């Protein structure tokens, strides 16, 4: 439900969005896009996925193939070390849950515009 809500929020803000149920699927989507010369401008990775690969592992896997991945960490756990020091874990920014539309869109926009 949250995934669909975030997708709708970002699409209404003008972004093209592709979703994945877990980190494994996100890695597959990312690598497939790279293979087709159609890379993602940014990715938002939830750190905790019940029963699936989380964002930390997914970003590590993607970074093996694309060191310039622009990954945003997302979590409702503010005490997670990744949320405090995202760059130490391969992320370029964070967006905490619960999402606020302005904060989410500002973070995505800033990450996309970074070189």
PDB file of N, CA and C in Angstrom:
ATOM      1  N   UNK A   1       0.822  -1.186   0.000  1.00  0.00           N
ATOM      2  CA  UNK A   1       0.000   0.000   0.000  1.00  0.00           C
ATOM      3  C   UNK A   1       0.873   1.259   0.000  1.00  0.00           C
ATOM      4  N   UNK A   2       1.921   1.275   0.824  1.00  0.00           N
ATOM      5  CA  UNK A   2       2.814   2.439   0.877  1.00  0.00           C
ATOM      6  C   UNK A   2       3.518   2.615  -0.459  1.00  0.00           C
ATOM      7  N   UNK A   3       3.932   1.513  -1.055  1.00  0.00           N
ATOM      8  CA  UNK A   3       4.608   1.556  -2.350  1.00  0.00           C
ATOM      9  C   UNK A   3       3.721   2.232  -3.397  1.00  0.00           C
ATOM     10  N   UNK A   4       2.453   1.841  -3.451  1.00  0.00           N
ATOM     11  CA  UNK A   4       1.517   2.435  -4.409  1.00  0.00           C
ATOM     12  C   UNK A   4       1.284   3.914  -4.118  1.00  0.00           C
ATOM     13  N   UNK A   5       1.200   4.269  -2.853  1.00  0.00           N
ATOM     14  CA  UNK A   5       0.991   5.662  -2.467  1.00  0.00           C
ATOM     15  C   UNK A   5       2.183   6.536  -2.872  1.00  0.00           C
ATOM     16  N   UNK A   6       3.380   6.067  -2.608  1.00  0.00           N
ATOM     17  CA  UNK A   6       4.584   6.829  -2.968  1.00  0.00           C
ATOM     18  C   UNK A   6       4.687   6.959  -4.480  1.00  0.00           C
ATOM     19  N   UNK A   7       4.388   5.885  -5.182  1.00  0.00           N
ATOM     20  CA  UNK A   7       4.412   5.930  -6.650  1.00  0.00           C
ATOM     21  C   UNK A   7       3.459   7.006  -7.146  1.00  0.00           C
ATOM     22  N   UNK A   8       2.251   7.013  -6.621  1.00  0.00           N
ATOM     23  CA  UNK A   8       1.258   8.004  -7.039  1.00  0.00           C
ATOM     24  C   UNK A   8       1.711   9.422  -6.682  1.00  0.00           C
ATOM     25  N   UNK A   9       2.271   9.599  -5.502  1.00  0.00           N
ATOM     26  CA  UNK A   9       2.755  10.919  -5.085  1.00  0.00           C
ATOM     27  C   UNK A   9       3.818  11.434  -6.059  1.00  0.00           C
ATOM     28  N   UNK A  10       4.764  10.577  -6.405  1.00  0.00           N
ATOM     29  CA  UNK A  10       5.849  10.990  -7.294  1.00  0.00           C
ATOM     30  C   UNK A  10       5.356  11.204  -8.727  1.00  0.00           C
ATOM     31  N   UNK A  11       4.470  10.343  -9.194  1.00  0.00           N
ATOM     32  CA  UNK A  11       3.939  10.517 -10.548  1.00  0.00           C
ATOM     33  C   UNK A  11       3.144  11.814 -10.667  1.00  0.00           C
ATOM     34  N   UNK A  12       2.373  12.138  -9.653  1.00  0.00           N
ATOM     35  CA  UNK A  12       1.616  13.399  -9.664  1.00  0.00           C
ATOM     36  C   UNK A  12       2.542  14.613  -9.621  1.00  0.00           C
ATOM     37  N   UNK A  13       3.762  14.396  -9.171  1.00  0.00           N
ATOM     38  CA  UNK A  13       4.759  15.466  -9.133  1.00  0.00           C
ATOM     39  C   UNK A  13       5.604  15.500 -10.408  1.00  0.00           C
ATOM     40  N   UNK A  14       5.261  14.639 -11.371  1.00  0.00           N
ATOM     41  CA  UNK A  14       5.915  14.682 -12.666  1.00  0.00           C
ATOM     42  C   UNK A  14       7.011  13.657 -12.902  1.00  0.00           C
ATOM     43  N   UNK A  15       7.229  12.758 -11.968  1.00  0.00           N
ATOM     44  CA  UNK A  15       8.277  11.755 -12.119  1.00  0.00           C
ATOM     45  C   UNK A  15       7.733  10.492 -12.763  1.00  0.00           C
ATOM     46  N   UNK A  16       8.569   9.833 -13.541  1.00  0.00           N
ATOM     47  CA  UNK A  16       8.259   8.513 -14.070  1.00  0.00           C
ATOM     48  C   UNK A  16       8.770   7.517 -13.037  1.00  0.00           C
ATOM     49  N   UNK A  17       7.919   6.598 -12.606  1.00  0.00           N
ATOM     50  CA  UNK A  17       8.244   5.724 -11.480  1.00  0.00           C
ATOM     51  C   UNK A  17       8.086   4.265 -11.861  1.00  0.00           C
ATOM     52  N   UNK A  18       9.048   3.469 -11.438  1.00  0.00           N
ATOM     53  CA  UNK A  18       8.960   2.017 -11.545  1.00  0.00           C
ATOM     54  C   UNK A  18       9.129   1.480 -10.127  1.00  0.00           C
ATOM     55  N   UNK A  19       8.343   0.503  -9.758  1.00  0.00           N
ATOM     56  CA  UNK A  19       8.393  -0.024  -8.395  1.00  0.00           C
ATOM     57  C   UNK A  19       8.897  -1.460  -8.377  1.00  0.00           C
ATOM     58  N   UNK A  20       9.341  -1.868  -7.197  1.00  0.00           N
ATOM     59  CA  UNK A  20       9.793  -3.238  -6.960  1.00  0.00           C
ATOM     60  C   UNK A  20       9.334  -3.648  -5.572  1.00  0.00           C
ATOM     61  N   UNK A  21       8.972  -4.903  -5.438  1.00  0.00           N
ATOM     62  CA  UNK A  21       8.467  -5.414  -4.164  1.00  0.00           C
ATOM     63  C   UNK A  21       9.561  -5.604  -3.121  1.00  0.00           C
ATOM     64  N   UNK A  22      10.805  -5.840  -3.592  1.00  0.00           N
ATOM     65  CA  UNK A  22      11.910  -6.044  -2.659  1.00  0.00           C
ATOM     66  C   UNK A  22      13.222  -5.719  -3.366  1.00  0.00           C
ATOM     67  N   UNK A  23      14.315  -5.871  -2.664  1.00  0.00           N
ATOM     68  CA  UNK A  23      15.620  -5.533  -3.208  1.00  0.00           C
ATOM     69  C   UNK A  23      16.034  -6.384  -4.385  1.00  0.00           C
ATOM     70  N   UNK A  24      15.694  -7.673  -4.358  1.00  0.00           N
ATOM     71  CA  UNK A  24      16.023  -8.545  -5.487  1.00  0.00           C
ATOM     72  C   UNK A  24      15.390  -8.023  -6.776  1.00  0.00           C
ATOM     73  N   UNK A  25      14.117  -7.689  -6.698  1.00  0.00           N
ATOM     74  CA  UNK A  25      13.417  -7.177  -7.870  1.00  0.00           C
ATOM     75  C   UNK A  25      13.976  -5.821  -8.279  1.00  0.00           C
ATOM     76  N   UNK A  26      14.317  -4.980  -7.322  1.00  0.00           N
ATOM     77  CA  UNK A  26      14.893  -3.670  -7.634  1.00  0.00           C
ATOM     78  C   UNK A  26      16.223  -3.814  -8.370  1.00  0.00           C
ATOM     79  N   UNK A  27      17.048  -4.738  -7.924  1.00  0.00           N
ATOM     80  CA  UNK A  27      18.332  -4.989  -8.586  1.00  0.00           C
ATOM     81  C   UNK A  27      18.089  -5.457 -10.020  1.00  0.00           C
ATOM     82  N   UNK A  28      17.163  -6.364 -10.202  1.00  0.00           N
ATOM     83  CA  UNK A  28      16.856  -6.859 -11.558  1.00  0.00           C
ATOM     84  C   UNK A  28      16.403  -5.719 -12.463  1.00  0.00           C
ATOM     85  N   UNK A  29      15.489  -4.873 -11.970  1.00  0.00           N
ATOM     86  CA  UNK A  29      15.010  -3.725 -12.755  1.00  0.00           C
ATOM     87  C   UNK A  29      16.168  -2.792 -13.107  1.00  0.00           C
ATOM     88  N   UNK A  30      17.007  -2.512 -12.138  1.00  0.00           N
ATOM     89  CA  UNK A  30      18.112  -1.563 -12.341  1.00  0.00           C
ATOM     90  C   UNK A  30      19.090  -2.098 -13.384  1.00  0.00           C
ATOM     91  N   UNK A  31      19.487  -3.344 -13.233  1.00  0.00           N
ATOM     92  CA  UNK A  31      20.453  -3.936 -14.166  1.00  0.00           C
ATOM     93  C   UNK A  31      19.856  -4.089 -15.564  1.00  0.00           C
ATOM     94  N   UNK A  32      18.586  -4.411 -15.647  1.00  0.00           N
ATOM     95  CA  UNK A  32      17.912  -4.515 -16.941  1.00  0.00           C
ATOM     96  C   UNK A  32      17.908  -3.150 -17.635  1.00  0.00           C
ATOM     97  N   UNK A  33      17.588  -2.099 -16.899  1.00  0.00           N
ATOM     98  CA  UNK A  33      17.595  -0.744 -17.464  1.00  0.00           C
ATOM     99  C   UNK A  33      18.998  -0.373 -17.941  1.00  0.00           C
ATOM    100  N   UNK A  34      20.017  -0.691 -17.139  1.00  0.00           N
ATOM    101  CA  UNK A  34      21.398  -0.415 -17.547  1.00  0.00           C
ATOM    102  C   UNK A  34      21.740  -1.138 -18.842  1.00  0.00           C
ATOM    103  N   UNK A  35      21.366  -2.404 -18.936  1.00  0.00           N
ATOM    104  CA  UNK A  35      21.653  -3.203 -20.127  1.00  0.00           C
ATOM    105  C   UNK A  35      20.995  -2.619 -21.372  1.00  0.00           C
ATOM    106  N   UNK A  36      19.855  -1.945 -21.173  1.00  0.00           N
ATOM    107  CA  UNK A  36      19.127  -1.359 -22.291  1.00  0.00           C
ATOM    108  C   UNK A  36      19.481   0.108 -22.522  1.00  0.00           C
ATOM    109  N   UNK A  37      20.494   0.608 -21.803  1.00  0.00           N
ATOM    110  CA  UNK A  37      20.910   1.999 -21.967  1.00  0.00           C
ATOM    111  C   UNK A  37      19.902   3.007 -21.451  1.00  0.00           C
ATOM    112  N   UNK A  38      19.058   2.580 -20.531  1.00  0.00           N
ATOM    113  CA  UNK A  38      18.005   3.449 -19.998  1.00  0.00           C
ATOM    114  C   UNK A  38      18.084   3.443 -18.477  1.00  0.00           C
ATOM    115  N   UNK A  39      19.108   4.069 -17.942  1.00  0.00           N
ATOM    116  CA  UNK A  39      19.352   3.987 -16.502  1.00  0.00           C
ATOM    117  C   UNK A  39      18.378   4.849 -15.699  1.00  0.00           C
ATOM    118  N   UNK A  40      18.285   4.544 -14.426  1.00  0.00           N
ATOM    119  CA  UNK A  40      17.453   5.304 -13.507  1.00  0.00           C
ATOM    120  C   UNK A  40      18.192   6.554 -13.062  1.00  0.00           C
ATOM    121  N   UNK A  41      17.464   7.654 -12.915  1.00  0.00           N
ATOM    122  CA  UNK A  41      18.066   8.893 -12.416  1.00  0.00           C
ATOM    123  C   UNK A  41      18.322   8.805 -10.920  1.00  0.00           C
ATOM    124  N   UNK A  42      17.470   8.079 -10.212  1.00  0.00           N
ATOM    125  CA  UNK A  42      17.597   7.898  -8.763  1.00  0.00           C
ATOM    126  C   UNK A  42      16.742   6.708  -8.352  1.00  0.00           C
ATOM    127  N   UNK A  43      17.081   6.136  -7.202  1.00  0.00           N
ATOM    128  CA  UNK A  43      16.281   5.051  -6.633  1.00  0.00           C
ATOM    129  C   UNK A  43      16.039   5.342  -5.161  1.00  0.00           C
ATOM    130  N   UNK A  44      14.872   4.953  -4.692  1.00  0.00           N
ATOM    131  CA  UNK A  44      14.540   5.043  -3.270  1.00  0.00           C
ATOM    132  C   UNK A  44      14.480   3.616  -2.763  1.00  0.00           C
ATOM    133  N   UNK A  45      15.278   3.318  -1.752  1.00  0.00           N
ATOM    134  CA  UNK A  45      15.343   1.961  -1.215  1.00  0.00           C
ATOM    135  C   UNK A  45      14.883   1.936   0.232  1.00  0.00           C
ATOM    136  N   UNK A  46      13.842   1.160   0.492  1.00  0.00           N
ATOM    137  CA  UNK A  46      13.406   0.932   1.865  1.00  0.00           C
ATOM    138  C   UNK A  46      14.442   0.022   2.511  1.00  0.00           C
ATOM    139  N   UNK A  47      14.868   0.362   3.698  1.00  0.00           N
ATOM    140  CA  UNK A  47      15.924  -0.408   4.353  1.00  0.00           C
ATOM    141  C   UNK A  47      15.448  -1.747   4.883  1.00  0.00           C
ATOM    142  N   UNK A  48      14.172  -1.840   5.238  1.00  0.00           N
ATOM    143  CA  UNK A  48      13.652  -3.069   5.837  1.00  0.00           C
ATOM    144  C   UNK A  48      12.514  -3.622   4.997  1.00  0.00           C
ATOM    145  N   UNK A  49      12.727  -4.803   4.437  1.00  0.00           N
ATOM    146  CA  UNK A  49      11.701  -5.485   3.645  1.00  0.00           C
ATOM    147  C   UNK A  49      11.445  -6.842   4.288  1.00  0.00           C
ATOM    148  N   UNK A  50      10.296  -7.017   4.950  1.00  0.00           N
ATOM    149  CA  UNK A  50      10.008  -8.304   5.577  1.00  0.00           C
ATOM    150  C   UNK A  50      10.045  -9.445   4.552  1.00  0.00           C
ATOM    151  N   UNK A  51      10.880 -10.433   4.814  1.00  0.00           N
ATOM    152  CA  UNK A  51      10.968 -11.596   3.956  1.00  0.00           C
ATOM    153  C   UNK A  51      11.703 -11.378   2.640  1.00  0.00           C
ATOM    154  N   UNK A  52      12.356 -10.231   2.483  1.00  0.00           N
ATOM    155  CA  UNK A  52      13.060  -9.967   1.231  1.00  0.00           C
ATOM    156  C   UNK A  52      14.324  -9.166   1.457  1.00  0.00           C
ATOM    157  N   UNK A  53      15.065  -8.964   0.367  1.00  0.00           N
ATOM    158  CA  UNK A  53      16.297  -8.186   0.438  1.00  0.00           C
ATOM    159  C   UNK A  53      15.963  -6.714   0.682  1.00  0.00           C
ATOM    160  N   UNK A  54      16.623  -6.118   1.656  1.00  0.00           N
ATOM    161  CA  UNK A  54      16.420  -4.713   1.971  1.00  0.00           C
ATOM    162  C   UNK A  54      17.298  -3.798   1.134  1.00  0.00           C
ATOM    163  N   UNK A  55      17.138  -2.513   1.357  1.00  0.00           N
ATOM    164  CA  UNK A  55      17.835  -1.512   0.576  1.00  0.00           C
ATOM    165  C   UNK A  55      19.339  -1.519   0.697  1.00  0.00           C
ATOM    166  N   UNK A  56      19.854  -1.792   1.883  1.00  0.00           N
ATOM    167  CA  UNK A  56      21.307  -1.801   2.075  1.00  0.00           C
ATOM    168  C   UNK A  56      21.962  -2.835   1.170  1.00  0.00           C
ATOM    169  N   UNK A  57      21.432  -4.042   1.159  1.00  0.00           N
ATOM    170  CA  UNK A  57      21.994  -5.107   0.333  1.00  0.00           C
ATOM    171  C   UNK A  57      21.785  -4.818  -1.153  1.00  0.00           C
ATOM    172  N   UNK A  58      20.613  -4.284  -1.492  1.00  0.00           N
ATOM    173  CA  UNK A  58      20.317  -3.984  -2.896  1.00  0.00           C
ATOM    174  C   UNK A  58      21.259  -2.923  -3.444  1.00  0.00           C
ATOM    175  N   UNK A  59      21.494  -1.875  -2.684  1.00  0.00           N
ATOM    176  CA  UNK A  59      22.392  -0.810  -3.145  1.00  0.00           C
ATOM    177  C   UNK A  59      23.819  -1.334  -3.277  1.00  0.00           C
ATOM    178  N   UNK A  60      24.239  -2.180  -2.355  1.00  0.00           N
ATOM    179  CA  UNK A  60      25.573  -2.773  -2.454  1.00  0.00           C
ATOM    180  C   UNK A  60      25.709  -3.598  -3.731  1.00  0.00           C
ATOM    181  N   UNK A  61      24.685  -4.342  -4.070  1.00  0.00           N
ATOM    182  CA  UNK A  61      24.701  -5.163  -5.278  1.00  0.00           C
ATOM    183  C   UNK A  61      24.716  -4.279  -6.525  1.00  0.00           C
ATOM    184  N   UNK A  62      23.872  -3.261  -6.544  1.00  0.00           N
ATOM    185  CA  UNK A  62      23.820  -2.356  -7.697  1.00  0.00           C
ATOM    186  C   UNK A  62      25.157  -1.632  -7.872  1.00  0.00           C
ATOM    187  N   UNK A  63      25.760  -1.208  -6.773  1.00  0.00           N
ATOM    188  CA  UNK A  63      27.013  -0.440  -6.833  1.00  0.00           C
ATOM    189  C   UNK A  63      28.158  -1.239  -7.445  1.00  0.00           C
ATOM    190  N   UNK A  64      28.091  -2.559  -7.385  1.00  0.00           N
ATOM    191  CA  UNK A  64      29.099  -3.394  -8.044  1.00  0.00           C
ATOM    192  C   UNK A  64      29.076  -3.130  -9.550  1.00  0.00           C
ATOM    193  N   UNK A  65      27.892  -2.862 -10.087  1.00  0.00           N
ATOM    194  CA  UNK A  65      27.709  -2.648 -11.528  1.00  0.00           C
ATOM    195  C   UNK A  65      27.681  -1.169 -11.911  1.00  0.00           C
ATOM    196  N   UNK A  66      27.278  -0.312 -10.976  1.00  0.00           N
ATOM    197  CA  UNK A  66      27.151   1.123 -11.245  1.00  0.00           C
ATOM    198  C   UNK A  66      27.560   1.905  -9.997  1.00  0.00           C
ATOM    199  N   UNK A  67      28.806   2.302  -9.973  1.00  0.00           N
ATOM    200  CA  UNK A  67      29.328   3.030  -8.810  1.00  0.00           C
ATOM    201  C   UNK A  67      28.681   4.408  -8.645  1.00  0.00           C
ATOM    202  N   UNK A  68      28.029   4.905  -9.689  1.00  0.00           N
ATOM    203  CA  UNK A  68      27.422   6.232  -9.632  1.00  0.00           C
ATOM    204  C   UNK A  68      25.926   6.187  -9.293  1.00  0.00           C
ATOM    205  N   UNK A  69      25.439   5.046  -8.805  1.00  0.00           N
ATOM    206  CA  UNK A  69      24.025   4.932  -8.451  1.00  0.00           C
ATOM    207  C   UNK A  69      23.649   6.028  -7.447  1.00  0.00           C
ATOM    208  N   UNK A  70      22.521   6.665  -7.695  1.00  0.00           N
ATOM    209  CA  UNK A  70      22.006   7.705  -6.798  1.00  0.00           C
ATOM    210  C   UNK A  70      20.872   7.090  -5.986  1.00  0.00           C
ATOM    211  N   UNK A  71      21.219   6.565  -4.830  1.00  0.00           N
ATOM    212  CA  UNK A  71      20.265   5.848  -3.996  1.00  0.00           C
ATOM    213  C   UNK A  71      19.879   6.668  -2.777  1.00  0.00           C
ATOM    214  N   UNK A  72      18.587   6.681  -2.512  1.00  0.00           N
ATOM    215  CA  UNK A  72      18.019   7.369  -1.355  1.00  0.00           C
ATOM    216  C   UNK A  72      17.541   6.301  -0.380  1.00  0.00           C
ATOM    217  N   UNK A  73      18.010   6.369   0.852  1.00  0.00           N
ATOM    218  CA  UNK A  73      17.584   5.416   1.881  1.00  0.00           C
ATOM    219  C   UNK A  73      16.266   5.880   2.483  1.00  0.00           C
ATOM    220  N   UNK A  74      15.399   4.932   2.745  1.00  0.00           N
ATOM    221  CA  UNK A  74      14.107   5.247   3.347  1.00  0.00           C
ATOM    222  C   UNK A  74      13.844   4.293   4.503  1.00  0.00           C
ATOM    223  N   UNK A  75      13.409   4.853   5.617  1.00  0.00           N
ATOM    224  CA  UNK A  75      13.105   4.020   6.775  1.00  0.00           C
ATOM    225  C   UNK A  75      12.244   4.795   7.771  1.00  0.00           C
ATOM    226  N   UNK A  76      11.491   4.045   8.529  1.00  0.00           N
ATOM    227  CA  UNK A  76      10.749   4.625   9.636  1.00  0.00           C
ATOM    228  C   UNK A  76      11.513   4.525  10.939  1.00  0.00           C
ATOM    229  N   UNK A  77      12.695   3.903  10.871  1.00  0.00           N
ATOM    230  CA  UNK A  77      13.530   3.728  12.050  1.00  0.00           C
ATOM    231  C   UNK A  77      14.606   4.803  12.049  1.00  0.00           C
ATOM    232  N   UNK A  78      14.367   5.879  12.756  1.00  0.00           N
ATOM    233  CA  UNK A  78      15.297   7.016  12.742  1.00  0.00           C
ATOM    234  C   UNK A  78      16.632   6.687  13.399  1.00  0.00           C
ATOM    235  N   UNK A  79      16.691   5.634  14.208  1.00  0.00           N
ATOM    236  CA  UNK A  79      17.939   5.273  14.875  1.00  0.00           C
ATOM    237  C   UNK A  79      18.813   4.342  14.034  1.00  0.00           C
ATOM    238  N   UNK A  80      18.384   4.016  12.822  1.00  0.00           N
ATOM    239  CA  UNK A  80      19.184   3.161  11.939  1.00  0.00           C
ATOM    240  C   UNK A  80      20.447   3.918  11.549  1.00  0.00           C
ATOM    241  N   UNK A  81      21.616   3.311  11.664  1.00  0.00           N
ATOM    242  CA  UNK A  81      22.873   3.997  11.332  1.00  0.00           C
ATOM    243  C   UNK A  81      22.910   4.518   9.894  1.00  0.00           C
ATOM    244  N   UNK A  82      22.218   3.860   8.992  1.00  0.00           N
ATOM    245  CA  UNK A  82      22.196   4.320   7.603  1.00  0.00           C
ATOM    246  C   UNK A  82      21.486   5.661   7.496  1.00  0.00           C
ATOM    247  N   UNK A  83      20.449   5.858   8.275  1.00  0.00           N
ATOM    248  CA  UNK A  83      19.714   7.122   8.221  1.00  0.00           C
ATOM    249  C   UNK A  83      20.564   8.270   8.768  1.00  0.00           C
ATOM    250  N   UNK A  84      21.472   7.973   9.665  1.00  0.00           N
ATOM    251  CA  UNK A  84      22.348   8.999  10.230  1.00  0.00           C
ATOM    252  C   UNK A  84      23.559   9.286   9.342  1.00  0.00           C
ATOM    253  N   UNK A  85      24.060   8.262   8.663  1.00  0.00           N
ATOM    254  CA  UNK A  85      25.274   8.392   7.840  1.00  0.00           C
ATOM    255  C   UNK A  85      25.098   7.668   6.508  1.00  0.00           C
ATOM    256  N   UNK A  86      24.197   8.141   5.659  1.00  0.00           N
ATOM    257  CA  UNK A  86      23.876   7.391   4.438  1.00  0.00           C
ATOM    258  C   UNK A  86      25.058   7.169   3.505  1.00  0.00           C
ATOM    259  N   UNK A  87      25.951   8.122   3.401  1.00  0.00           N
ATOM    260  CA  UNK A  87      27.076   7.994   2.461  1.00  0.00           C
ATOM    261  C   UNK A  87      28.030   6.860   2.868  1.00  0.00           C
ATOM    262  N   UNK A  88      28.065   6.540   4.147  1.00  0.00           N
ATOM    263  CA  UNK A  88      28.907   5.430   4.605  1.00  0.00           C
ATOM    264  C   UNK A  88      28.411   4.080   4.089  1.00  0.00           C
ATOM    265  N   UNK A  89      27.169   4.049   3.604  1.00  0.00           N
ATOM    266  CA  UNK A  89      26.551   2.798   3.181  1.00  0.00           C
ATOM    267  C   UNK A  89      26.157   2.799   1.702  1.00  0.00           C
ATOM    268  N   UNK A  90      26.648   3.772   0.935  1.00  0.00           N
ATOM    269  CA  UNK A  90      26.378   3.815  -0.500  1.00  0.00           C
ATOM    270  C   UNK A  90      25.167   4.624  -0.919  1.00  0.00           C
ATOM    271  N   UNK A  91      24.552   5.312   0.028  1.00  0.00           N
ATOM    272  CA  UNK A  91      23.399   6.154  -0.282  1.00  0.00           C
ATOM    273  C   UNK A  91      23.840   7.618  -0.383  1.00  0.00           C
ATOM    274  N   UNK A  92      23.076   8.426  -1.119  1.00  0.00           N
ATOM    275  CA  UNK A  92      23.416   9.841  -1.251  1.00  0.00           C
ATOM    276  C   UNK A  92      22.484  10.744  -0.441  1.00  0.00           C
ATOM    277  N   UNK A  93      21.362  10.185   0.028  1.00  0.00           N
ATOM    278  CA  UNK A  93      20.395  10.975   0.796  1.00  0.00           C
ATOM    279  C   UNK A  93      19.467  10.024   1.547  1.00  0.00           C
ATOM    280  N   UNK A  94      18.642  10.614   2.397  1.00  0.00           N
ATOM    281  CA  UNK A  94      17.633   9.836   3.126  1.00  0.00           C
ATOM    282  C   UNK A  94      16.287  10.545   3.031  1.00  0.00           C
ATOM    283  N   UNK A  95      15.242   9.771   3.145  1.00  0.00           N
ATOM    284  CA  UNK A  95      13.894  10.307   3.273  1.00  0.00           C
ATOM    285  C   UNK A  95      13.179   9.441   4.319  1.00  0.00           C
ATOM    286  N   UNK A  96      12.887  10.042   5.470  1.00  0.00           N
ATOM    287  CA  UNK A  96      12.268   9.271   6.554  1.00  0.00           C
ATOM    288  C   UNK A  96      10.774   9.041   6.327  1.00  0.00           C
ATOM    289  N   UNK A  97      10.296   7.967   6.919  1.00  0.00           N
ATOM    290  CA  UNK A  97       8.861   7.700   6.964  1.00  0.00           C
ATOM    291  C   UNK A  97       8.335   8.232   8.287  1.00  0.00           C
ATOM    292  N   UNK A  98       7.129   8.670   8.356  1.00  0.00           N
ATOM    293  CA  UNK A  98       6.154   8.750   7.274  1.00  0.00           C
ATOM    294  C   UNK A  98       6.528   9.860   6.285  1.00  0.00           C
ATOM    295  N   UNK A  99       6.214   9.629   5.021  1.00  0.00           N
ATOM    296  CA  UNK A  99       6.582  10.564   3.972  1.00  0.00           C
ATOM    297  C   UNK A  99       5.735  11.826   4.016  1.00  0.00           C
ATOM    298  N   UNK A 100       6.405  12.929   3.782  1.00  0.00           N
ATOM    299  CA  UNK A 100       5.755  14.209   3.538  1.00  0.00           C
ATOM    300  C   UNK A 100       6.029  14.532   2.077  1.00  0.00           C
ATOM    301  N   UNK A 101       5.009  14.853   1.308  1.00  0.00           N
ATOM    302  CA  UNK A 101       5.153  15.040  -0.127  1.00  0.00           C
ATOM    303  C   UNK A 101       6.264  16.023  -0.479  1.00  0.00           C
ATOM    304  N   UNK A 102       6.298  17.163   0.169  1.00  0.00           N
ATOM    305  CA  UNK A 102       7.313  18.174  -0.161  1.00  0.00           C
ATOM    306  C   UNK A 102       8.715  17.650   0.120  1.00  0.00           C
ATOM    307  N   UNK A 103       8.912  17.036   1.270  1.00  0.00           N
ATOM    308  CA  UNK A 103      10.232  16.512   1.613  1.00  0.00           C
ATOM    309  C   UNK A 103      10.658  15.408   0.642  1.00  0.00           C
ATOM    310  N   UNK A 104       9.744  14.521   0.302  1.00  0.00           N
ATOM    311  CA  UNK A 104      10.037  13.436  -0.629  1.00  0.00           C
ATOM    312  C   UNK A 104      10.446  14.001  -1.987  1.00  0.00           C
ATOM    313  N   UNK A 105       9.641  14.896  -2.527  1.00  0.00           N
ATOM    314  CA  UNK A 105       9.933  15.464  -3.848  1.00  0.00           C
ATOM    315  C   UNK A 105      11.181  16.334  -3.837  1.00  0.00           C
ATOM    316  N   UNK A 106      11.383  17.109  -2.777  1.00  0.00           N
ATOM    317  CA  UNK A 106      12.606  17.919  -2.678  1.00  0.00           C
ATOM    318  C   UNK A 106      13.849  17.044  -2.657  1.00  0.00           C
ATOM    319  N   UNK A 107      13.792  15.938  -1.934  1.00  0.00           N
ATOM    320  CA  UNK A 107      14.941  15.026  -1.853  1.00  0.00           C
ATOM    321  C   UNK A 107      15.212  14.390  -3.210  1.00  0.00           C
ATOM    322  N   UNK A 108      14.186  13.904  -3.862  1.00  0.00           N
ATOM    323  CA  UNK A 108      14.363  13.280  -5.173  1.00  0.00           C
ATOM    324  C   UNK A 108      14.936  14.300  -6.160  1.00  0.00           C
ATOM    325  N   UNK A 109      14.367  15.487  -6.187  1.00  0.00           N
ATOM    326  CA  UNK A 109      14.828  16.536  -7.108  1.00  0.00           C
ATOM    327  C   UNK A 109      16.299  16.862  -6.850  1.00  0.00           C
ATOM    328  N   UNK A 110      16.667  17.041  -5.591  1.00  0.00           N
ATOM    329  CA  UNK A 110      18.045  17.387  -5.240  1.00  0.00           C
ATOM    330  C   UNK A 110      19.004  16.272  -5.668  1.00  0.00           C
ATOM    331  N   UNK A 111      18.640  15.035  -5.421  1.00  0.00           N
ATOM    332  CA  UNK A 111      19.493  13.903  -5.778  1.00  0.00           C
ATOM    333  C   UNK A 111      19.667  13.801  -7.293  1.00  0.00           C
ATOM    334  N   UNK A 112      18.607  13.981  -8.031  1.00  0.00           N
ATOM    335  CA  UNK A 112      18.685  13.910  -9.492  1.00  0.00           C
ATOM    336  C   UNK A 112      19.589  15.014 -10.042  1.00  0.00           C
ATOM    337  N   UNK A 113      19.510  16.191  -9.456  1.00  0.00           N
ATOM    338  CA  UNK A 113      20.287  17.317  -9.957  1.00  0.00           C
ATOM    339  C   UNK A 113      21.760  17.280  -9.559  1.00  0.00           C
ATOM    340  N   UNK A 114      22.100  16.478  -8.545  1.00  0.00           N
ATOM    341  CA  UNK A 114      23.499  16.345  -8.137  1.00  0.00           C
ATOM    342  C   UNK A 114      24.286  15.667  -9.240  1.00  0.00           C
ATOM    343  N   UNK A 115      25.536  16.092  -9.378  1.00  0.00           N
ATOM    344  CA  UNK A 115      26.376  15.459 -10.404  1.00  0.00           C
ATOM    345  C   UNK A 115      27.287  14.449  -9.786  1.00  0.00           C
TER     346      UNK A 115
END
